[in-house]
Amino acid sequence: MLFWEDFMNKRVVLVALLLVMALSLPLFAFAQDGGDMELPDLEGRVITVAVENAYIPFNYINDETGEPEGWDYDALAEICGRL
């Protein structure tokens, strides 16, 4: 009986793995290269972004300068520079 249980466990794992792979394939169908992506023209419109400044190193207030810093601010500055 041990052989049968071992065989069934392997079979269940294999079926589960194949199912996960099959269900994840559509995710890659819509992937884009992004290399030559055309950015939208905002035509002078303003985009407002809110940040909580509570999650170091993503966003925080620098104790020495009193200025907001972190990854979020760096990423937003880069995005704004490109738009």
N, C-alpha and C. Protein backbone atom coordinates (compact mmCIF):
# COMPACT_ATOMS: atom_id res chain seq x y z
N MET A 1 0.82 -1.20 0.00
CA MET A 1 0.00 0.00 0.00
C MET A 1 0.86 1.26 0.00
N LEU A 2 2.09 1.16 0.51
CA LEU A 2 2.98 2.30 0.56
C LEU A 2 3.31 2.80 -0.85
N PHE A 3 3.51 1.88 -1.78
CA PHE A 3 3.80 2.26 -3.15
C PHE A 3 2.66 3.08 -3.74
N TRP A 4 1.44 2.63 -3.53
CA TRP A 4 0.27 3.31 -4.08
C TRP A 4 0.13 4.71 -3.49
N GLU A 5 0.33 4.86 -2.18
CA GLU A 5 0.22 6.17 -1.55
C GLU A 5 1.31 7.11 -2.06
N ASP A 6 2.52 6.60 -2.21
CA ASP A 6 3.62 7.41 -2.73
C ASP A 6 3.33 7.83 -4.17
N PHE A 7 2.81 6.93 -4.97
CA PHE A 7 2.47 7.22 -6.35
C PHE A 7 1.38 8.29 -6.42
N MET A 8 0.36 8.19 -5.58
CA MET A 8 -0.74 9.15 -5.58
C MET A 8 -0.25 10.53 -5.12
N ASN A 9 0.64 10.56 -4.12
CA ASN A 9 1.17 11.85 -3.67
C ASN A 9 1.95 12.53 -4.78
N LYS A 10 2.77 11.78 -5.50
CA LYS A 10 3.51 12.35 -6.62
C LYS A 10 2.57 12.81 -7.72
N ARG A 11 1.54 12.05 -7.93
CA ARG A 11 0.57 12.40 -8.97
C ARG A 11 -0.17 13.69 -8.60
N VAL A 12 -0.56 13.82 -7.35
CA VAL A 12 -1.25 15.03 -6.90
C VAL A 12 -0.34 16.25 -7.04
N VAL A 13 0.91 16.11 -6.67
CA VAL A 13 1.86 17.21 -6.79
C VAL A 13 2.06 17.58 -8.26
N LEU A 14 2.18 16.60 -9.12
CA LEU A 14 2.36 16.85 -10.54
C LEU A 14 1.14 17.57 -11.13
N VAL A 15 -0.05 17.11 -10.79
CA VAL A 15 -1.27 17.73 -11.30
C VAL A 15 -1.38 19.17 -10.78
N ALA A 16 -1.06 19.38 -9.52
CA ALA A 16 -1.11 20.73 -8.96
C ALA A 16 -0.11 21.65 -9.65
N LEU A 17 1.09 21.15 -9.91
CA LEU A 17 2.10 21.94 -10.59
C LEU A 17 1.67 22.29 -12.01
N LEU A 18 1.14 21.33 -12.72
CA LEU A 18 0.66 21.59 -14.08
C LEU A 18 -0.50 22.58 -14.08
N LEU A 19 -1.36 22.49 -13.10
CA LEU A 19 -2.49 23.41 -13.00
C LEU A 19 -2.00 24.84 -12.74
N VAL A 20 -1.06 24.99 -11.85
CA VAL A 20 -0.51 26.32 -11.58
C VAL A 20 0.16 26.89 -12.83
N MET A 21 0.91 26.07 -13.53
CA MET A 21 1.57 26.53 -14.75
C MET A 21 0.55 26.93 -15.81
N ALA A 22 -0.49 26.14 -15.96
CA ALA A 22 -1.51 26.43 -16.97
C ALA A 22 -2.26 27.71 -16.64
N LEU A 23 -2.54 27.93 -15.36
CA LEU A 23 -3.28 29.13 -14.97
C LEU A 23 -2.41 30.38 -15.02
N SER A 24 -1.10 30.23 -14.94
CA SER A 24 -0.23 31.40 -14.98
C SER A 24 0.13 31.82 -16.40
N LEU A 25 -0.09 31.00 -17.38
CA LEU A 25 0.25 31.35 -18.76
C LEU A 25 -0.45 32.61 -19.26
N PRO A 26 -1.74 32.81 -18.98
CA PRO A 26 -2.38 34.04 -19.47
C PRO A 26 -1.77 35.32 -18.90
N LEU A 27 -1.11 35.23 -17.76
CA LEU A 27 -0.48 36.43 -17.20
C LEU A 27 0.62 36.96 -18.10
N PHE A 28 1.33 36.06 -18.77
CA PHE A 28 2.43 36.47 -19.63
C PHE A 28 1.96 36.88 -21.02
N ALA A 29 0.73 36.61 -21.36
CA ALA A 29 0.23 36.95 -22.69
C ALA A 29 0.14 38.46 -22.88
N PHE A 30 -0.05 39.21 -21.80
CA PHE A 30 -0.21 40.66 -21.89
C PHE A 30 1.04 41.42 -21.48
N ALA A 31 2.15 40.73 -21.29
CA ALA A 31 3.40 41.39 -20.91
C ALA A 31 3.91 42.25 -22.07
N GLN A 32 4.46 43.40 -21.72
CA GLN A 32 4.98 44.32 -22.73
C GLN A 32 6.47 44.53 -22.50
N ASP A 33 7.16 44.85 -23.56
CA ASP A 33 8.59 45.13 -23.47
C ASP A 33 8.84 46.42 -22.71
N GLY A 34 8.13 47.46 -23.03
CA GLY A 34 8.26 48.73 -22.34
C GLY A 34 9.46 49.56 -22.77
N GLY A 35 10.29 49.04 -23.65
CA GLY A 35 11.48 49.76 -24.07
C GLY A 35 11.18 51.03 -24.84
N ASP A 36 10.30 50.97 -25.79
CA ASP A 36 9.97 52.12 -26.63
C ASP A 36 8.54 52.58 -26.37
N MET A 37 8.13 52.55 -25.12
CA MET A 37 6.76 52.90 -24.78
C MET A 37 6.56 54.42 -24.88
N GLU A 38 5.49 54.83 -25.53
CA GLU A 38 5.20 56.25 -25.67
C GLU A 38 4.45 56.72 -24.43
N LEU A 39 4.95 57.78 -23.80
CA LEU A 39 4.32 58.31 -22.60
C LEU A 39 3.20 59.27 -22.98
N PRO A 40 2.15 59.34 -22.16
CA PRO A 40 1.03 60.22 -22.49
C PRO A 40 1.38 61.69 -22.33
N ASP A 41 0.73 62.54 -23.11
CA ASP A 41 0.87 63.99 -22.97
C ASP A 41 -0.20 64.45 -21.99
N LEU A 42 0.21 65.01 -20.86
CA LEU A 42 -0.75 65.43 -19.84
C LEU A 42 -1.42 66.76 -20.16
N GLU A 43 -0.92 67.47 -21.16
CA GLU A 43 -1.51 68.74 -21.60
C GLU A 43 -1.69 69.72 -20.45
N GLY A 44 -0.71 69.78 -19.55
CA GLY A 44 -0.76 70.74 -18.45
C GLY A 44 -1.58 70.31 -17.25
N ARG A 45 -2.17 69.13 -17.30
CA ARG A 45 -2.95 68.66 -16.16
C ARG A 45 -2.03 68.31 -15.00
N VAL A 46 -2.58 68.30 -13.79
CA VAL A 46 -1.82 68.03 -12.57
C VAL A 46 -2.20 66.66 -12.03
N ILE A 47 -1.20 65.90 -11.61
CA ILE A 47 -1.43 64.62 -10.94
C ILE A 47 -1.05 64.79 -9.48
N THR A 48 -1.94 64.44 -8.56
CA THR A 48 -1.68 64.55 -7.14
C THR A 48 -1.40 63.18 -6.57
N VAL A 49 -0.32 63.05 -5.79
CA VAL A 49 0.07 61.79 -5.18
C VAL A 49 0.14 61.99 -3.68
N ALA A 50 -0.43 61.09 -2.90
CA ALA A 50 -0.39 61.16 -1.44
C ALA A 50 0.53 60.07 -0.89
N VAL A 51 1.40 60.46 0.05
CA VAL A 51 2.33 59.53 0.68
C VAL A 51 2.23 59.73 2.19
N GLU A 52 2.26 58.65 2.94
CA GLU A 52 2.04 58.72 4.39
C GLU A 52 3.29 59.04 5.21
N ASN A 53 4.47 58.81 4.66
CA ASN A 53 5.74 59.04 5.36
C ASN A 53 5.88 58.20 6.63
N ALA A 54 5.47 56.95 6.57
CA ALA A 54 5.53 56.10 7.76
C ALA A 54 6.23 54.77 7.51
N TYR A 55 6.77 54.56 6.34
CA TYR A 55 7.33 53.24 6.01
C TYR A 55 8.76 53.37 5.50
N ILE A 56 9.70 53.42 6.44
CA ILE A 56 11.12 53.49 6.09
C ILE A 56 11.51 52.20 5.41
N PRO A 57 12.22 52.16 4.36
CA PRO A 57 12.91 53.20 3.59
C PRO A 57 12.09 53.73 2.43
N PHE A 58 10.82 53.36 2.36
CA PHE A 58 10.02 53.77 1.21
C PHE A 58 9.63 55.24 1.26
N ASN A 59 9.20 55.71 2.43
CA ASN A 59 8.85 57.11 2.57
C ASN A 59 8.97 57.50 4.04
N TYR A 60 9.65 58.62 4.29
CA TYR A 60 9.86 59.07 5.66
C TYR A 60 10.34 60.52 5.62
N ILE A 61 10.36 61.16 6.80
CA ILE A 61 10.87 62.51 6.92
C ILE A 61 12.28 62.41 7.50
N ASN A 62 13.25 63.00 6.83
CA ASN A 62 14.63 63.00 7.30
C ASN A 62 14.72 63.87 8.54
N ASP A 63 15.23 63.31 9.65
CA ASP A 63 15.31 64.05 10.92
C ASP A 63 16.26 65.24 10.83
N GLU A 64 17.32 65.12 10.06
CA GLU A 64 18.31 66.19 9.98
C GLU A 64 17.84 67.36 9.12
N THR A 65 17.21 67.07 8.00
CA THR A 65 16.82 68.14 7.07
C THR A 65 15.35 68.51 7.18
N GLY A 66 14.52 67.62 7.73
CA GLY A 66 13.09 67.87 7.80
C GLY A 66 12.38 67.69 6.47
N GLU A 67 13.10 67.17 5.47
CA GLU A 67 12.56 66.98 4.13
C GLU A 67 12.09 65.54 3.95
N PRO A 68 11.06 65.34 3.14
CA PRO A 68 10.63 63.97 2.85
C PRO A 68 11.64 63.27 1.95
N GLU A 69 11.91 62.00 2.22
CA GLU A 69 12.86 61.21 1.45
C GLU A 69 12.37 59.78 1.35
N GLY A 70 13.05 59.01 0.52
CA GLY A 70 12.77 57.58 0.41
C GLY A 70 12.55 57.15 -1.03
N TRP A 71 12.36 55.85 -1.17
CA TRP A 71 12.21 55.25 -2.49
C TRP A 71 11.00 55.81 -3.22
N ASP A 72 9.89 56.00 -2.52
CA ASP A 72 8.68 56.53 -3.17
C ASP A 72 8.96 57.89 -3.80
N TYR A 73 9.63 58.75 -3.06
CA TYR A 73 9.92 60.09 -3.58
C TYR A 73 10.88 60.03 -4.76
N ASP A 74 11.87 59.14 -4.69
CA ASP A 74 12.80 58.99 -5.81
C ASP A 74 12.08 58.48 -7.05
N ALA A 75 11.21 57.49 -6.87
CA ALA A 75 10.46 56.93 -8.00
C ALA A 75 9.51 57.96 -8.58
N LEU A 76 8.82 58.70 -7.72
CA LEU A 76 7.88 59.72 -8.21
C LEU A 76 8.62 60.84 -8.94
N ALA A 77 9.79 61.22 -8.44
CA ALA A 77 10.57 62.26 -9.13
C ALA A 77 10.99 61.78 -10.52
N GLU A 78 11.37 60.51 -10.63
CA GLU A 78 11.76 59.96 -11.93
C GLU A 78 10.56 59.91 -12.88
N ILE A 79 9.42 59.48 -12.37
CA ILE A 79 8.20 59.41 -13.19
C ILE A 79 7.81 60.80 -13.67
N CYS A 80 7.83 61.78 -12.76
CA CYS A 80 7.47 63.15 -13.14
C CYS A 80 8.45 63.71 -14.15
N GLY A 81 9.72 63.37 -14.01
CA GLY A 81 10.71 63.84 -14.97
C GLY A 81 10.47 63.28 -16.36
N ARG A 82 9.96 62.08 -16.43
CA ARG A 82 9.70 61.46 -17.73
C ARG A 82 8.40 61.94 -18.35
N LEU A 83 7.44 62.33 -17.53
CA LEU A 83 6.17 62.82 -18.08
C LEU A 83 6.33 64.26 -18.49
